[in-house]
PDB file of all heavy atoms in Angstrom:
ATOM      1  N   ASP A   1      -2.401  10.585  -5.921  1.00  0.00           N
ATOM      2  CA  ASP A   1      -2.286  10.471  -7.380  1.00  0.00           C
ATOM      3  C   ASP A   1      -1.033   9.702  -7.787  1.00  0.00           C
ATOM      4  O   ASP A   1      -1.032   8.999  -8.802  1.00  0.00           O
ATOM      5  CB  ASP A   1      -2.271  11.859  -8.014  1.00  0.00           C
ATOM      6  CG  ASP A   1      -3.624  12.532  -7.958  1.00  0.00           C
ATOM      7  OD1 ASP A   1      -4.644  11.838  -7.748  1.00  0.00           O
ATOM      8  OD2 ASP A   1      -3.674  13.763  -8.117  1.00  0.00           O
ATOM      9  N   SER A   2       0.015   9.828  -7.010  1.00  0.00           N
ATOM     10  CA  SER A   2       1.292   9.217  -7.363  1.00  0.00           C
ATOM     11  C   SER A   2       1.257   7.688  -7.317  1.00  0.00           C
ATOM     12  O   SER A   2       2.119   7.028  -7.897  1.00  0.00           O
ATOM     13  CB  SER A   2       2.398   9.734  -6.443  1.00  0.00           C
ATOM     14  OG  SER A   2       2.090   9.452  -5.094  1.00  0.00           O
ATOM     15  N   VAL A   3       0.273   7.120  -6.624  1.00  0.00           N
ATOM     16  CA  VAL A   3       0.224   5.661  -6.500  1.00  0.00           C
ATOM     17  C   VAL A   3      -1.053   5.071  -7.083  1.00  0.00           C
ATOM     18  O   VAL A   3      -1.191   3.840  -7.155  1.00  0.00           O
ATOM     19  CB  VAL A   3       0.353   5.216  -5.021  1.00  0.00           C
ATOM     20  CG1 VAL A   3       1.603   5.821  -4.393  1.00  0.00           C
ATOM     21  CG2 VAL A   3      -0.888   5.586  -4.212  1.00  0.00           C
ATOM     22  N   LYS A   4      -1.960   5.922  -7.504  1.00  0.00           N
ATOM     23  CA  LYS A   4      -3.240   5.453  -8.021  1.00  0.00           C
ATOM     24  C   LYS A   4      -3.021   4.535  -9.219  1.00  0.00           C
ATOM     25  O   LYS A   4      -2.243   4.836 -10.116  1.00  0.00           O
ATOM     26  CB  LYS A   4      -4.099   6.660  -8.403  1.00  0.00           C
ATOM     27  CG  LYS A   4      -5.579   6.394  -8.453  1.00  0.00           C
ATOM     28  CD  LYS A   4      -6.345   7.698  -8.653  1.00  0.00           C
ATOM     29  CE  LYS A   4      -6.230   8.608  -7.449  1.00  0.00           C
ATOM     30  NZ  LYS A   4      -7.025   9.852  -7.597  1.00  0.00           N
ATOM     31  N   GLY A   5      -3.697   3.406  -9.203  1.00  0.00           N
ATOM     32  CA  GLY A   5      -3.563   2.439 -10.276  1.00  0.00           C
ATOM     33  C   GLY A   5      -2.450   1.435 -10.056  1.00  0.00           C
ATOM     34  O   GLY A   5      -2.380   0.411 -10.750  1.00  0.00           O
ATOM     35  N   ARG A   6      -1.573   1.714  -9.088  1.00  0.00           N
ATOM     36  CA  ARG A   6      -0.475   0.792  -8.794  1.00  0.00           C
ATOM     37  C   ARG A   6      -0.590   0.176  -7.400  1.00  0.00           C
ATOM     38  O   ARG A   6      -0.188  -0.969  -7.195  1.00  0.00           O
ATOM     39  CB  ARG A   6       0.876   1.523  -8.892  1.00  0.00           C
ATOM     40  CG  ARG A   6       1.171   2.115 -10.252  1.00  0.00           C
ATOM     41  CD  ARG A   6       2.582   2.657 -10.324  1.00  0.00           C
ATOM     42  NE  ARG A   6       2.822   3.753  -9.380  1.00  0.00           N
ATOM     43  CZ  ARG A   6       3.774   3.736  -8.442  1.00  0.00           C
ATOM     44  NH1 ARG A   6       4.575   2.687  -8.317  1.00  0.00           N
ATOM     45  NH2 ARG A   6       3.918   4.776  -7.625  1.00  0.00           N
ATOM     46  N   PHE A   7      -1.121   0.931  -6.455  1.00  0.00           N
ATOM     47  CA  PHE A   7      -1.250   0.471  -5.073  1.00  0.00           C
ATOM     48  C   PHE A   7      -2.715   0.182  -4.762  1.00  0.00           C
ATOM     49  O   PHE A   7      -3.613   0.879  -5.256  1.00  0.00           O
ATOM     50  CB  PHE A   7      -0.742   1.527  -4.096  1.00  0.00           C
ATOM     51  CG  PHE A   7       0.749   1.749  -4.108  1.00  0.00           C
ATOM     52  CD1 PHE A   7       1.561   1.208  -5.096  1.00  0.00           C
ATOM     53  CD2 PHE A   7       1.338   2.519  -3.123  1.00  0.00           C
ATOM     54  CE1 PHE A   7       2.934   1.419  -5.101  1.00  0.00           C
ATOM     55  CE2 PHE A   7       2.707   2.741  -3.099  1.00  0.00           C
ATOM     56  CZ  PHE A   7       3.495   2.186  -4.097  1.00  0.00           C
ATOM     57  N   THR A   8      -2.928  -0.811  -3.922  1.00  0.00           N
ATOM     58  CA  THR A   8      -4.283  -1.169  -3.506  1.00  0.00           C
ATOM     59  C   THR A   8      -4.303  -1.413  -2.005  1.00  0.00           C
ATOM     60  O   THR A   8      -3.482  -2.183  -1.488  1.00  0.00           O
ATOM     61  CB  THR A   8      -4.780  -2.426  -4.230  1.00  0.00           C
ATOM     62  OG1 THR A   8      -4.723  -2.216  -5.648  1.00  0.00           O
ATOM     63  CG2 THR A   8      -6.213  -2.745  -3.836  1.00  0.00           C
ATOM     64  N   ILE A   9      -5.259  -0.774  -1.331  1.00  0.00           N
ATOM     65  CA  ILE A   9      -5.447  -0.975   0.103  1.00  0.00           C
ATOM     66  C   ILE A   9      -6.651  -1.878   0.302  1.00  0.00           C
ATOM     67  O   ILE A   9      -7.692  -1.717  -0.343  1.00  0.00           O
ATOM     68  CB  ILE A   9      -5.675   0.359   0.824  1.00  0.00           C
ATOM     69  CG1 ILE A   9      -4.404   1.210   0.775  1.00  0.00           C
ATOM     70  CG2 ILE A   9      -6.096   0.136   2.267  1.00  0.00           C
ATOM     71  CD1 ILE A   9      -4.596   2.613   1.322  1.00  0.00           C
ATOM     72  N   SER A  10      -6.493  -2.829   1.199  1.00  0.00           N
ATOM     73  CA  SER A  10      -7.605  -3.699   1.546  1.00  0.00           C
ATOM     74  C   SER A  10      -7.537  -4.005   3.028  1.00  0.00           C
ATOM     75  O   SER A  10      -6.489  -3.866   3.662  1.00  0.00           O
ATOM     76  CB  SER A  10      -7.574  -4.991   0.724  1.00  0.00           C
ATOM     77  OG  SER A  10      -6.377  -5.700   0.986  1.00  0.00           O
ATOM     78  N   GLY A  11      -8.670  -4.421   3.563  1.00  0.00           N
ATOM     79  CA  GLY A  11      -8.718  -4.718   4.987  1.00  0.00           C
ATOM     80  C   GLY A  11      -9.336  -6.071   5.237  1.00  0.00           C
ATOM     81  O   GLY A  11     -10.228  -6.496   4.502  1.00  0.00           O
ATOM     82  N   HIS A  12      -8.841  -6.730   6.263  1.00  0.00           N
ATOM     83  CA  HIS A  12      -9.398  -8.015   6.661  1.00  0.00           C
ATOM     84  C   HIS A  12      -9.958  -7.829   8.067  1.00  0.00           C
ATOM     85  O   HIS A  12      -9.220  -7.796   9.050  1.00  0.00           O
ATOM     86  CB  HIS A  12      -8.327  -9.098   6.631  1.00  0.00           C
ATOM     87  CG  HIS A  12      -8.888 -10.484   6.693  1.00  0.00           C
ATOM     88  ND1 HIS A  12      -9.634 -10.923   7.768  1.00  0.00           N
ATOM     89  CD2 HIS A  12      -8.845 -11.500   5.823  1.00  0.00           C
ATOM     90  CE1 HIS A  12      -9.999 -12.156   7.556  1.00  0.00           C
ATOM     91  NE2 HIS A  12      -9.535 -12.534   6.386  1.00  0.00           N
ATOM     92  N   ASN A  13     -11.259  -7.691   8.145  1.00  0.00           N
ATOM     93  CA  ASN A  13     -11.915  -7.355   9.401  1.00  0.00           C
ATOM     94  C   ASN A  13     -11.620  -8.369  10.500  1.00  0.00           C
ATOM     95  O   ASN A  13     -11.267  -8.013  11.621  1.00  0.00           O
ATOM     96  CB  ASN A  13     -13.418  -7.233   9.156  1.00  0.00           C
ATOM     97  CG  ASN A  13     -14.095  -6.467  10.261  1.00  0.00           C
ATOM     98  OD1 ASN A  13     -13.538  -6.231  11.326  1.00  0.00           O
ATOM     99  ND2 ASN A  13     -15.334  -6.061  10.026  1.00  0.00           N
ATOM    100  N   ALA A  14     -11.760  -9.631  10.191  1.00  0.00           N
ATOM    101  CA  ALA A  14     -11.601 -10.676  11.207  1.00  0.00           C
ATOM    102  C   ALA A  14     -10.177 -10.724  11.746  1.00  0.00           C
ATOM    103  O   ALA A  14      -9.949 -11.072  12.911  1.00  0.00           O
ATOM    104  CB  ALA A  14     -11.990 -12.028  10.625  1.00  0.00           C
ATOM    105  N   GLU A  15      -9.217 -10.359  10.906  1.00  0.00           N
ATOM    106  CA  GLU A  15      -7.814 -10.385  11.329  1.00  0.00           C
ATOM    107  C   GLU A  15      -7.354  -9.028  11.853  1.00  0.00           C
ATOM    108  O   GLU A  15      -6.213  -8.903  12.283  1.00  0.00           O
ATOM    109  CB  GLU A  15      -6.927 -10.827  10.168  1.00  0.00           C
ATOM    110  CG  GLU A  15      -7.190 -12.253   9.704  1.00  0.00           C
ATOM    111  CD  GLU A  15      -6.303 -12.647   8.535  1.00  0.00           C
ATOM    112  OE1 GLU A  15      -5.575 -11.773   8.017  1.00  0.00           O
ATOM    113  OE2 GLU A  15      -6.343 -13.829   8.146  1.00  0.00           O
ATOM    114  N   ASN A  16      -8.196  -8.018  11.773  1.00  0.00           N
ATOM    115  CA  ASN A  16      -7.815  -6.665  12.177  1.00  0.00           C
ATOM    116  C   ASN A  16      -6.535  -6.223  11.485  1.00  0.00           C
ATOM    117  O   ASN A  16      -5.623  -5.675  12.113  1.00  0.00           O
ATOM    118  CB  ASN A  16      -7.622  -6.590  13.690  1.00  0.00           C
ATOM    119  CG  ASN A  16      -8.845  -6.051  14.391  1.00  0.00           C
ATOM    120  OD1 ASN A  16      -9.802  -5.620  13.760  1.00  0.00           O
ATOM    121  ND2 ASN A  16      -8.813  -6.072  15.697  1.00  0.00           N
ATOM    122  N   THR A  17      -6.460  -6.482  10.208  1.00  0.00           N
ATOM    123  CA  THR A  17      -5.254  -6.181   9.436  1.00  0.00           C
ATOM    124  C   THR A  17      -5.623  -5.409   8.182  1.00  0.00           C
ATOM    125  O   THR A  17      -6.620  -5.727   7.530  1.00  0.00           O
ATOM    126  CB  THR A  17      -4.524  -7.480   9.056  1.00  0.00           C
ATOM    127  OG1 THR A  17      -4.176  -8.190  10.251  1.00  0.00           O
ATOM    128  CG2 THR A  17      -3.261  -7.174   8.273  1.00  0.00           C
ATOM    129  N   VAL A  18      -4.833  -4.412   7.859  1.00  0.00           N
ATOM    130  CA  VAL A  18      -4.990  -3.679   6.608  1.00  0.00           C
ATOM    131  C   VAL A  18      -3.733  -3.905   5.786  1.00  0.00           C
ATOM    132  O   VAL A  18      -2.624  -3.975   6.326  1.00  0.00           O
ATOM    133  CB  VAL A  18      -5.253  -2.178   6.861  1.00  0.00           C
ATOM    134  CG1 VAL A  18      -4.093  -1.515   7.560  1.00  0.00           C
ATOM    135  CG2 VAL A  18      -5.555  -1.460   5.563  1.00  0.00           C
ATOM    136  N   TYR A  19      -3.921  -4.058   4.490  1.00  0.00           N
ATOM    137  CA  TYR A  19      -2.827  -4.377   3.588  1.00  0.00           C
ATOM    138  C   TYR A  19      -2.604  -3.253   2.590  1.00  0.00           C
ATOM    139  O   TYR A  19      -3.536  -2.533   2.228  1.00  0.00           O
ATOM    140  CB  TYR A  19      -3.126  -5.669   2.825  1.00  0.00           C
ATOM    141  CG  TYR A  19      -3.359  -6.858   3.720  1.00  0.00           C
ATOM    142  CD1 TYR A  19      -4.651  -7.273   4.036  1.00  0.00           C
ATOM    143  CD2 TYR A  19      -2.287  -7.563   4.253  1.00  0.00           C
ATOM    144  CE1 TYR A  19      -4.866  -8.357   4.859  1.00  0.00           C
ATOM    145  CE2 TYR A  19      -2.500  -8.661   5.073  1.00  0.00           C
ATOM    146  CZ  TYR A  19      -3.785  -9.050   5.372  1.00  0.00           C
ATOM    147  OH  TYR A  19      -3.986 -10.135   6.194  1.00  0.00           O
ATOM    148  N   LEU A  20      -1.373  -3.143   2.137  1.00  0.00           N
ATOM    149  CA  LEU A  20      -1.033  -2.240   1.055  1.00  0.00           C
ATOM    150  C   LEU A  20      -0.302  -3.060   0.002  1.00  0.00           C
ATOM    151  O   LEU A  20       0.862  -3.435   0.188  1.00  0.00           O
ATOM    152  CB  LEU A  20      -0.145  -1.092   1.548  1.00  0.00           C
ATOM    153  CG  LEU A  20       0.303  -0.099   0.471  1.00  0.00           C
ATOM    154  CD1 LEU A  20      -0.915   0.648  -0.090  1.00  0.00           C
ATOM    155  CD2 LEU A  20       1.299   0.904   1.048  1.00  0.00           C
ATOM    156  N   GLN A  21      -1.012  -3.388  -1.072  1.00  0.00           N
ATOM    157  CA  GLN A  21      -0.420  -4.113  -2.180  1.00  0.00           C
ATOM    158  C   GLN A  21       0.193  -3.098  -3.128  1.00  0.00           C
ATOM    159  O   GLN A  21      -0.513  -2.215  -3.626  1.00  0.00           O
ATOM    160  CB  GLN A  21      -1.482  -4.948  -2.909  1.00  0.00           C
ATOM    161  CG  GLN A  21      -0.958  -5.692  -4.130  1.00  0.00           C
ATOM    162  CD  GLN A  21       0.030  -6.774  -3.767  1.00  0.00           C
ATOM    163  OE1 GLN A  21      -0.171  -7.534  -2.842  1.00  0.00           O
ATOM    164  NE2 GLN A  21       1.121  -6.854  -4.538  1.00  0.00           N
ATOM    165  N   MET A  22       1.482  -3.227  -3.364  1.00  0.00           N
ATOM    166  CA  MET A  22       2.201  -2.266  -4.195  1.00  0.00           C
ATOM    167  C   MET A  22       2.743  -2.979  -5.424  1.00  0.00           C
ATOM    168  O   MET A  22       3.559  -3.890  -5.300  1.00  0.00           O
ATOM    169  CB  MET A  22       3.345  -1.628  -3.392  1.00  0.00           C
ATOM    170  CG  MET A  22       2.900  -0.998  -2.092  1.00  0.00           C
ATOM    171  SD  MET A  22       4.222  -0.138  -1.220  1.00  0.00           S
ATOM    172  CE  MET A  22       5.286  -1.513  -0.811  1.00  0.00           C
ATOM    173  N   ASN A  23       2.261  -2.573  -6.583  1.00  0.00           N
ATOM    174  CA  ASN A  23       2.695  -3.154  -7.857  1.00  0.00           C
ATOM    175  C   ASN A  23       3.399  -2.098  -8.694  1.00  0.00           C
ATOM    176  O   ASN A  23       3.282  -0.899  -8.437  1.00  0.00           O
ATOM    177  CB  ASN A  23       1.493  -3.701  -8.617  1.00  0.00           C
ATOM    178  CG  ASN A  23       0.785  -4.814  -7.875  1.00  0.00           C
ATOM    179  OD1 ASN A  23       1.397  -5.597  -7.136  1.00  0.00           O
ATOM    180  ND2 ASN A  23      -0.534  -4.900  -8.050  1.00  0.00           N
ATOM    181  N   SER A  24       4.117  -2.555  -9.698  1.00  0.00           N
ATOM    182  CA  SER A  24       4.825  -1.646 -10.615  1.00  0.00           C
ATOM    183  C   SER A  24       5.642  -0.615  -9.838  1.00  0.00           C
ATOM    184  O   SER A  24       5.572   0.581 -10.107  1.00  0.00           O
ATOM    185  CB  SER A  24       3.821  -0.936 -11.535  1.00  0.00           C
ATOM    186  OG  SER A  24       3.076  -1.888 -12.270  1.00  0.00           O
ATOM    187  N   LEU A  25       6.389  -1.096  -8.876  1.00  0.00           N
ATOM    188  CA  LEU A  25       7.144  -0.194  -8.002  1.00  0.00           C
ATOM    189  C   LEU A  25       8.214   0.566  -8.773  1.00  0.00           C
ATOM    190  O   LEU A  25       8.819   0.041  -9.730  1.00  0.00           O
ATOM    191  CB  LEU A  25       7.764  -0.975  -6.852  1.00  0.00           C
ATOM    192  CG  LEU A  25       6.774  -1.330  -5.742  1.00  0.00           C
ATOM    193  CD1 LEU A  25       7.296  -2.460  -4.876  1.00  0.00           C
ATOM    194  CD2 LEU A  25       6.462  -0.106  -4.889  1.00  0.00           C
ATOM    195  N   LYS A  26       8.434   1.791  -8.333  1.00  0.00           N
ATOM    196  CA  LYS A  26       9.417   2.686  -8.948  1.00  0.00           C
ATOM    197  C   LYS A  26      10.451   3.092  -7.893  1.00  0.00           C
ATOM    198  O   LYS A  26      10.143   3.090  -6.689  1.00  0.00           O
ATOM    199  CB  LYS A  26       8.721   3.943  -9.464  1.00  0.00           C
ATOM    200  CG  LYS A  26       7.581   3.675 -10.421  1.00  0.00           C
ATOM    201  CD  LYS A  26       6.873   4.978 -10.771  1.00  0.00           C
ATOM    202  CE  LYS A  26       5.700   4.741 -11.698  1.00  0.00           C
ATOM    203  NZ  LYS A  26       5.004   6.006 -12.046  1.00  0.00           N
ATOM    204  N   PRO A  27      11.637   3.483  -8.318  1.00  0.00           N
ATOM    205  CA  PRO A  27      12.636   3.932  -7.340  1.00  0.00           C
ATOM    206  C   PRO A  27      12.126   5.060  -6.450  1.00  0.00           C
ATOM    207  O   PRO A  27      12.492   5.129  -5.272  1.00  0.00           O
ATOM    208  CB  PRO A  27      13.801   4.381  -8.225  1.00  0.00           C
ATOM    209  CG  PRO A  27      13.684   3.536  -9.444  1.00  0.00           C
ATOM    210  CD  PRO A  27      12.212   3.386  -9.671  1.00  0.00           C
ATOM    211  N   GLU A  28      11.268   5.910  -6.986  1.00  0.00           N
ATOM    212  CA  GLU A  28      10.734   7.011  -6.189  1.00  0.00           C
ATOM    213  C   GLU A  28       9.730   6.560  -5.133  1.00  0.00           C
ATOM    214  O   GLU A  28       9.296   7.373  -4.315  1.00  0.00           O
ATOM    215  CB  GLU A  28      10.100   8.085  -7.081  1.00  0.00           C
ATOM    216  CG  GLU A  28       9.114   7.559  -8.083  1.00  0.00           C
ATOM    217  CD  GLU A  28       9.729   7.338  -9.465  1.00  0.00           C
ATOM    218  OE1 GLU A  28      10.867   6.798  -9.530  1.00  0.00           O
ATOM    219  OE2 GLU A  28       9.068   7.707 -10.462  1.00  0.00           O
ATOM    220  N   ASP A  29       9.378   5.304  -5.116  1.00  0.00           N
ATOM    221  CA  ASP A  29       8.532   4.757  -4.053  1.00  0.00           C
ATOM    222  C   ASP A  29       9.357   4.382  -2.822  1.00  0.00           C
ATOM    223  O   ASP A  29       8.792   4.012  -1.788  1.00  0.00           O
ATOM    224  CB  ASP A  29       7.784   3.515  -4.534  1.00  0.00           C
ATOM    225  CG  ASP A  29       6.772   3.814  -5.619  1.00  0.00           C
ATOM    226  OD1 ASP A  29       6.064   4.839  -5.500  1.00  0.00           O
ATOM    227  OD2 ASP A  29       6.689   3.041  -6.581  1.00  0.00           O
ATOM    228  N   THR A  30      10.661   4.473  -2.933  1.00  0.00           N
ATOM    229  CA  THR A  30      11.533   4.151  -1.807  1.00  0.00           C
ATOM    230  C   THR A  30      11.269   5.075  -0.642  1.00  0.00           C
ATOM    231  O   THR A  30      11.300   6.296  -0.786  1.00  0.00           O
ATOM    232  CB  THR A  30      13.013   4.256  -2.221  1.00  0.00           C
ATOM    233  OG1 THR A  30      13.299   3.265  -3.208  1.00  0.00           O
ATOM    234  CG2 THR A  30      13.932   4.064  -1.024  1.00  0.00           C
ATOM    235  N   ALA A  31      10.957   4.494   0.518  1.00  0.00           N
ATOM    236  CA  ALA A  31      10.602   5.277   1.705  1.00  0.00           C
ATOM    237  C   ALA A  31      10.354   4.321   2.863  1.00  0.00           C
ATOM    238  O   ALA A  31      10.286   3.106   2.681  1.00  0.00           O
ATOM    239  CB  ALA A  31       9.348   6.101   1.452  1.00  0.00           C
ATOM    240  N   VAL A  32      10.214   4.910   4.040  1.00  0.00           N
ATOM    241  CA  VAL A  32       9.667   4.161   5.165  1.00  0.00           C
ATOM    242  C   VAL A  32       8.159   4.323   5.104  1.00  0.00           C
ATOM    243  O   VAL A  32       7.655   5.444   5.009  1.00  0.00           O
ATOM    244  CB  VAL A  32      10.213   4.680   6.504  1.00  0.00           C
ATOM    245  CG1 VAL A  32       9.561   3.926   7.663  1.00  0.00           C
ATOM    246  CG2 VAL A  32      11.732   4.544   6.549  1.00  0.00           C
ATOM    247  N   TYR A  33       7.463   3.220   5.149  1.00  0.00           N
ATOM    248  CA  TYR A  33       6.004   3.222   5.073  1.00  0.00           C
ATOM    249  C   TYR A  33       5.407   3.023   6.458  1.00  0.00           C
ATOM    250  O   TYR A  33       5.825   2.129   7.199  1.00  0.00           O
ATOM    251  CB  TYR A  33       5.526   2.128   4.117  1.00  0.00           C
ATOM    252  CG  TYR A  33       5.712   2.498   2.673  1.00  0.00           C
ATOM    253  CD1 TYR A  33       6.987   2.571   2.108  1.00  0.00           C
ATOM    254  CD2 TYR A  33       4.623   2.813   1.865  1.00  0.00           C
ATOM    255  CE1 TYR A  33       7.170   2.942   0.789  1.00  0.00           C
ATOM    256  CE2 TYR A  33       4.794   3.181   0.542  1.00  0.00           C
ATOM    257  CZ  TYR A  33       6.064   3.246   0.011  1.00  0.00           C
ATOM    258  OH  TYR A  33       6.239   3.621  -1.298  1.00  0.00           O
ATOM    259  N   TYR A  34       4.432   3.870   6.768  1.00  0.00           N
ATOM    260  CA  TYR A  34       3.802   3.853   8.076  1.00  0.00           C
ATOM    261  C   TYR A  34       2.303   3.601   7.959  1.00  0.00           C
ATOM    262  O   TYR A  34       1.643   4.133   7.059  1.00  0.00           O
ATOM    263  CB  TYR A  34       3.983   5.193   8.772  1.00  0.00           C
ATOM    264  CG  TYR A  34       5.408   5.561   9.084  1.00  0.00           C
ATOM    265  CD1 TYR A  34       6.167   6.308   8.182  1.00  0.00           C
ATOM    266  CD2 TYR A  34       6.004   5.183  10.286  1.00  0.00           C
ATOM    267  CE1 TYR A  34       7.471   6.653   8.465  1.00  0.00           C
ATOM    268  CE2 TYR A  34       7.301   5.536  10.588  1.00  0.00           C
ATOM    269  CZ  TYR A  34       8.039   6.270   9.667  1.00  0.00           C
ATOM    270  OH  TYR A  34       9.321   6.617   9.953  1.00  0.00           O
ATOM    271  N   CYS A  35       1.801   2.864   8.900  1.00  0.00           N
ATOM    272  CA  CYS A  35       0.369   2.689   9.068  1.00  0.00           C
ATOM    273  C   CYS A  35      -0.086   3.671  10.144  1.00  0.00           C
ATOM    274  O   CYS A  35       0.634   3.892  11.131  1.00  0.00           O
ATOM    275  CB  CYS A  35       0.088   1.250   9.503  1.00  0.00           C
ATOM    276  SG  CYS A  35      -1.630   0.838   9.710  1.00  0.00           S
ATOM    277  N   ALA A  36      -1.251   4.279   9.960  1.00  0.00           N
ATOM    278  CA  ALA A  36      -1.746   5.262  10.912  1.00  0.00           C
ATOM    279  C   ALA A  36      -3.238   5.078  11.125  1.00  0.00           C
ATOM    280  O   ALA A  36      -3.937   4.544  10.254  1.00  0.00           O
ATOM    281  CB  ALA A  36      -1.458   6.669  10.401  1.00  0.00           C
TER     282      ALA A  36
END
């Protein structure tokens, strides 16, 4: 809920890559981000 409407996840199958587009960032978004 904290990121809904601001963050978007997408995947590129051919590149085997997943993306996290982060918009309207806030100071409380400060963190280490991990892919799992």
